[in-house]
């Protein structure tokens, strides 16, 4: 058995498993509606000064949680309001930057990160006993409100 995963650079993977980032921005549409493992990449390119102190438990090169992913909207669709009724919050979310926005719901954080080598794009991860145990013990994450959106709304 397997599950798909997506590598997300830090500090964004950490923000997702804290409930602060509910949208993952991609350069292409990801047609994906199912469970998704969140892999924290090794890169520190996107980190700002102070991120390491703000999030001392931030993991790199590890599976850190999972969620239900989808749908994926373009910024134009979001601006027009062409989103599901219960996803209208996407328009005002601080991390809605696009050009395509994959909605992340029902996020769960692993108690302990699982070291794992990531890949570009969606990739398959075998469900081992260790991963299955981590998924069963994962902590639900409450979505948090997060500042004004980038859409000028």
C-alpha atoms as a PDB file:
ATOM      1  CA  UNK A   1       0.000   0.000   0.000  1.00  0.00           C
ATOM      2  CA  UNK A   2       1.173   3.554  -0.651  1.00  0.00           C
ATOM      3  CA  UNK A   3       0.235   7.202  -0.250  1.00  0.00           C
ATOM      4  CA  UNK A   4       1.288  10.198  -2.303  1.00  0.00           C
ATOM      5  CA  UNK A   5       3.467  12.906  -0.781  1.00  0.00           C
ATOM      6  CA  UNK A   6       4.436  16.441  -1.697  1.00  0.00           C
ATOM      7  CA  UNK A   7       7.689  18.123  -0.682  1.00  0.00           C
ATOM      8  CA  UNK A   8       7.114  21.590   0.712  1.00  0.00           C
ATOM      9  CA  UNK A   9       9.975  23.913   1.643  1.00  0.00           C
ATOM     10  CA  UNK A  10      10.363  25.142   5.192  1.00  0.00           C
ATOM     11  CA  UNK A  11       9.007  27.139   6.908  1.00  0.00           C
ATOM     12  CA  UNK A  12       5.857  26.427   4.870  1.00  0.00           C
ATOM     13  CA  UNK A  13       5.592  22.737   5.789  1.00  0.00           C
ATOM     14  CA  UNK A  14       5.779  23.801   9.441  1.00  0.00           C
ATOM     15  CA  UNK A  15       3.078  26.442   8.911  1.00  0.00           C
ATOM     16  CA  UNK A  16       0.834  23.779   7.348  1.00  0.00           C
ATOM     17  CA  UNK A  17       1.171  21.359  10.268  1.00  0.00           C
ATOM     18  CA  UNK A  18       0.446  24.275  12.642  1.00  0.00           C
ATOM     19  CA  UNK A  19      -2.786  25.140  10.780  1.00  0.00           C
ATOM     20  CA  UNK A  20      -1.493  28.551   9.659  1.00  0.00           C
ATOM     21  CA  UNK A  21      -1.088  27.729   5.956  1.00  0.00           C
ATOM     22  CA  UNK A  22      -4.101  26.065   4.380  1.00  0.00           C
ATOM     23  CA  UNK A  23      -3.164  26.528   0.734  1.00  0.00           C
ATOM     24  CA  UNK A  24      -0.133  25.187  -1.129  1.00  0.00           C
ATOM     25  CA  UNK A  25       0.868  27.296  -4.133  1.00  0.00           C
ATOM     26  CA  UNK A  26       2.084  25.572  -7.285  1.00  0.00           C
ATOM     27  CA  UNK A  27       3.125  26.678 -10.754  1.00  0.00           C
ATOM     28  CA  UNK A  28       0.792  24.084 -12.346  1.00  0.00           C
ATOM     29  CA  UNK A  29      -2.628  22.752 -11.476  1.00  0.00           C
ATOM     30  CA  UNK A  30      -2.543  19.567  -9.405  1.00  0.00           C
ATOM     31  CA  UNK A  31      -5.666  17.498 -10.074  1.00  0.00           C
ATOM     32  CA  UNK A  32      -5.695  15.705  -6.769  1.00  0.00           C
ATOM     33  CA  UNK A  33      -8.441  14.793  -4.302  1.00  0.00           C
ATOM     34  CA  UNK A  34      -7.177  12.444  -1.625  1.00  0.00           C
ATOM     35  CA  UNK A  35      -4.911  11.924   1.334  1.00  0.00           C
ATOM     36  CA  UNK A  36      -1.494  13.547   0.994  1.00  0.00           C
ATOM     37  CA  UNK A  37       1.645  13.182   3.090  1.00  0.00           C
ATOM     38  CA  UNK A  38       3.435  16.438   3.856  1.00  0.00           C
ATOM     39  CA  UNK A  39       7.186  16.189   3.343  1.00  0.00           C
ATOM     40  CA  UNK A  40       9.366  19.012   4.715  1.00  0.00           C
ATOM     41  CA  UNK A  41      12.185  19.639   2.257  1.00  0.00           C
ATOM     42  CA  UNK A  42      15.821  20.134   3.183  1.00  0.00           C
ATOM     43  CA  UNK A  43      16.138  23.556   1.549  1.00  0.00           C
ATOM     44  CA  UNK A  44      16.388  26.653   3.715  1.00  0.00           C
ATOM     45  CA  UNK A  45      16.032  29.001   0.724  1.00  0.00           C
ATOM     46  CA  UNK A  46      12.591  30.267   1.707  1.00  0.00           C
ATOM     47  CA  UNK A  47      13.400  30.846   5.372  1.00  0.00           C
ATOM     48  CA  UNK A  48      13.520  34.330   6.817  1.00  0.00           C
ATOM     49  CA  UNK A  49      15.761  35.500   9.640  1.00  0.00           C
ATOM     50  CA  UNK A  50      14.140  34.375  12.859  1.00  0.00           C
ATOM     51  CA  UNK A  51      12.202  31.391  11.429  1.00  0.00           C
ATOM     52  CA  UNK A  52      14.500  28.867  13.126  1.00  0.00           C
ATOM     53  CA  UNK A  53      13.953  30.564  16.497  1.00  0.00           C
ATOM     54  CA  UNK A  54      10.202  30.957  15.925  1.00  0.00           C
ATOM     55  CA  UNK A  55       9.825  27.273  15.022  1.00  0.00           C
ATOM     56  CA  UNK A  56      12.606  25.379  16.830  1.00  0.00           C
ATOM     57  CA  UNK A  57      10.915  22.009  16.240  1.00  0.00           C
ATOM     58  CA  UNK A  58      10.893  22.534  12.459  1.00  0.00           C
ATOM     59  CA  UNK A  59      12.073  19.365  10.683  1.00  0.00           C
ATOM     60  CA  UNK A  60      13.992  19.132   7.404  1.00  0.00           C
ATOM     61  CA  UNK A  61      14.058  16.143   5.047  1.00  0.00           C
ATOM     62  CA  UNK A  62      11.182  14.397   6.830  1.00  0.00           C
ATOM     63  CA  UNK A  63       7.522  13.451   6.620  1.00  0.00           C
ATOM     64  CA  UNK A  64       5.813  15.755   9.120  1.00  0.00           C
ATOM     65  CA  UNK A  65       2.097  15.096   8.680  1.00  0.00           C
ATOM     66  CA  UNK A  66      -0.727  14.428   6.279  1.00  0.00           C
ATOM     67  CA  UNK A  67      -3.961  16.008   5.108  1.00  0.00           C
ATOM     68  CA  UNK A  68      -6.804  15.785   2.646  1.00  0.00           C
ATOM     69  CA  UNK A  69      -5.769  17.708  -0.464  1.00  0.00           C
ATOM     70  CA  UNK A  70      -7.923  19.269  -3.142  1.00  0.00           C
ATOM     71  CA  UNK A  71      -9.381  20.943  -4.972  1.00  0.00           C
ATOM     72  CA  UNK A  72      -6.792  23.052  -6.771  1.00  0.00           C
ATOM     73  CA  UNK A  73      -7.887  26.473  -8.060  1.00  0.00           C
ATOM     74  CA  UNK A  74      -6.272  29.100 -10.255  1.00  0.00           C
ATOM     75  CA  UNK A  75      -6.071  32.643  -8.887  1.00  0.00           C
ATOM     76  CA  UNK A  76      -8.569  33.711 -11.572  1.00  0.00           C
ATOM     77  CA  UNK A  77     -11.093  31.107 -10.375  1.00  0.00           C
ATOM     78  CA  UNK A  78     -10.623  32.227  -6.777  1.00  0.00           C
ATOM     79  CA  UNK A  79     -10.986  35.935  -7.686  1.00  0.00           C
ATOM     80  CA  UNK A  80     -14.243  35.181  -9.580  1.00  0.00           C
ATOM     81  CA  UNK A  81     -15.556  33.186  -6.608  1.00  0.00           C
ATOM     82  CA  UNK A  82     -15.591  29.932  -8.599  1.00  0.00           C
ATOM     83  CA  UNK A  83     -14.846  27.846  -5.505  1.00  0.00           C
ATOM     84  CA  UNK A  84     -16.875  25.447  -3.403  1.00  0.00           C
ATOM     85  CA  UNK A  85     -19.148  27.213  -0.904  1.00  0.00           C
ATOM     86  CA  UNK A  86     -17.226  25.954   2.145  1.00  0.00           C
ATOM     87  CA  UNK A  87     -13.925  27.121   0.623  1.00  0.00           C
ATOM     88  CA  UNK A  88     -14.770  30.822   0.181  1.00  0.00           C
ATOM     89  CA  UNK A  89     -12.130  31.592   2.868  1.00  0.00           C
ATOM     90  CA  UNK A  90      -9.442  30.752   0.267  1.00  0.00           C
ATOM     91  CA  UNK A  91      -9.914  34.172  -1.349  1.00  0.00           C
ATOM     92  CA  UNK A  92      -8.822  35.981   1.829  1.00  0.00           C
ATOM     93  CA  UNK A  93      -6.173  33.554   3.038  1.00  0.00           C
ATOM     94  CA  UNK A  94      -2.700  35.098   3.414  1.00  0.00           C
ATOM     95  CA  UNK A  95      -1.028  32.233   1.542  1.00  0.00           C
ATOM     96  CA  UNK A  96      -3.293  32.343  -1.511  1.00  0.00           C
ATOM     97  CA  UNK A  97      -0.613  33.457  -3.964  1.00  0.00           C
ATOM     98  CA  UNK A  98      -0.899  31.022  -6.880  1.00  0.00           C
ATOM     99  CA  UNK A  99      -0.723  30.791  -9.731  1.00  0.00           C
ATOM    100  CA  UNK A 100      -2.492  27.576  -8.607  1.00  0.00           C
ATOM    101  CA  UNK A 101      -3.658  26.932  -5.065  1.00  0.00           C
ATOM    102  CA  UNK A 102      -4.088  23.418  -3.697  1.00  0.00           C
ATOM    103  CA  UNK A 103      -6.466  23.492  -0.715  1.00  0.00           C
ATOM    104  CA  UNK A 104      -5.307  21.482   2.314  1.00  0.00           C
ATOM    105  CA  UNK A 105      -7.911  20.260   4.808  1.00  0.00           C
ATOM    106  CA  UNK A 106      -8.052  17.993   7.866  1.00  0.00           C
ATOM    107  CA  UNK A 107      -4.340  18.424   8.531  1.00  0.00           C
ATOM    108  CA  UNK A 108      -2.736  16.088  11.051  1.00  0.00           C
ATOM    109  CA  UNK A 109       0.748  16.535  12.491  1.00  0.00           C
ATOM    110  CA  UNK A 110       3.016  13.586  13.250  1.00  0.00           C
ATOM    111  CA  UNK A 111       4.166  13.427  16.865  1.00  0.00           C
ATOM    112  CA  UNK A 112       7.691  12.737  15.573  1.00  0.00           C
ATOM    113  CA  UNK A 113       8.923  13.583  12.037  1.00  0.00           C
ATOM    114  CA  UNK A 114       9.944  10.582   9.932  1.00  0.00           C
ATOM    115  CA  UNK A 115      13.239  11.134   8.063  1.00  0.00           C
ATOM    116  CA  UNK A 116      12.579  10.668   4.353  1.00  0.00           C
ATOM    117  CA  UNK A 117      14.115  11.774   1.053  1.00  0.00           C
ATOM    118  CA  UNK A 118      11.682  13.870  -0.958  1.00  0.00           C
ATOM    119  CA  UNK A 119      11.225  14.418  -4.678  1.00  0.00           C
ATOM    120  CA  UNK A 120       9.835  17.064  -6.999  1.00  0.00           C
ATOM    121  CA  UNK A 121       6.092  17.021  -7.550  1.00  0.00           C
ATOM    122  CA  UNK A 122       3.816  14.328  -6.197  1.00  0.00           C
ATOM    123  CA  UNK A 123       5.645  11.132  -5.292  1.00  0.00           C
ATOM    124  CA  UNK A 124       4.666   7.759  -3.856  1.00  0.00           C
ATOM    125  CA  UNK A 125       5.598   6.628  -0.359  1.00  0.00           C
ATOM    126  CA  UNK A 126       5.164   3.024   0.769  1.00  0.00           C
ATOM    127  CA  UNK A 127       3.074   2.751   3.921  1.00  0.00           C
ATOM    128  CA  UNK A 128       5.414   0.980   6.324  1.00  0.00           C
ATOM    129  CA  UNK A 129       4.548  -0.066   9.860  1.00  0.00           C
ATOM    130  CA  UNK A 130       6.374   3.027  11.179  1.00  0.00           C
ATOM    131  CA  UNK A 131       4.429   5.362   8.882  1.00  0.00           C
ATOM    132  CA  UNK A 132       1.128   3.643   9.632  1.00  0.00           C
ATOM    133  CA  UNK A 133       1.752   4.065  13.374  1.00  0.00           C
ATOM    134  CA  UNK A 134       2.653   7.740  12.853  1.00  0.00           C
ATOM    135  CA  UNK A 135      -0.542   8.320  10.854  1.00  0.00           C
ATOM    136  CA  UNK A 136      -2.705   6.670  13.528  1.00  0.00           C
ATOM    137  CA  UNK A 137      -1.089   8.785  16.266  1.00  0.00           C
ATOM    138  CA  UNK A 138      -1.034  12.069  14.316  1.00  0.00           C
ATOM    139  CA  UNK A 139      -2.505  15.089  16.074  1.00  0.00           C
ATOM    140  CA  UNK A 140      -5.394  16.979  14.415  1.00  0.00           C
ATOM    141  CA  UNK A 141      -4.541  20.586  13.587  1.00  0.00           C
ATOM    142  CA  UNK A 142      -7.054  23.388  14.012  1.00  0.00           C
ATOM    143  CA  UNK A 143      -7.113  25.749  11.002  1.00  0.00           C
ATOM    144  CA  UNK A 144      -6.142  29.281  11.994  1.00  0.00           C
ATOM    145  CA  UNK A 145      -7.132  32.576  10.464  1.00  0.00           C
ATOM    146  CA  UNK A 146      -4.237  34.272   8.772  1.00  0.00           C
ATOM    147  CA  UNK A 147      -4.022  37.931   7.682  1.00  0.00           C
ATOM    148  CA  UNK A 148      -5.268  39.512   4.447  1.00  0.00           C
ATOM    149  CA  UNK A 149      -4.907  37.769   1.120  1.00  0.00           C
ATOM    150  CA  UNK A 150      -2.619  38.722  -1.717  1.00  0.00           C
ATOM    151  CA  UNK A 151      -5.591  39.227  -4.059  1.00  0.00           C
ATOM    152  CA  UNK A 152      -6.233  42.754  -2.835  1.00  0.00           C
ATOM    153  CA  UNK A 153      -9.624  41.764  -1.444  1.00  0.00           C
END
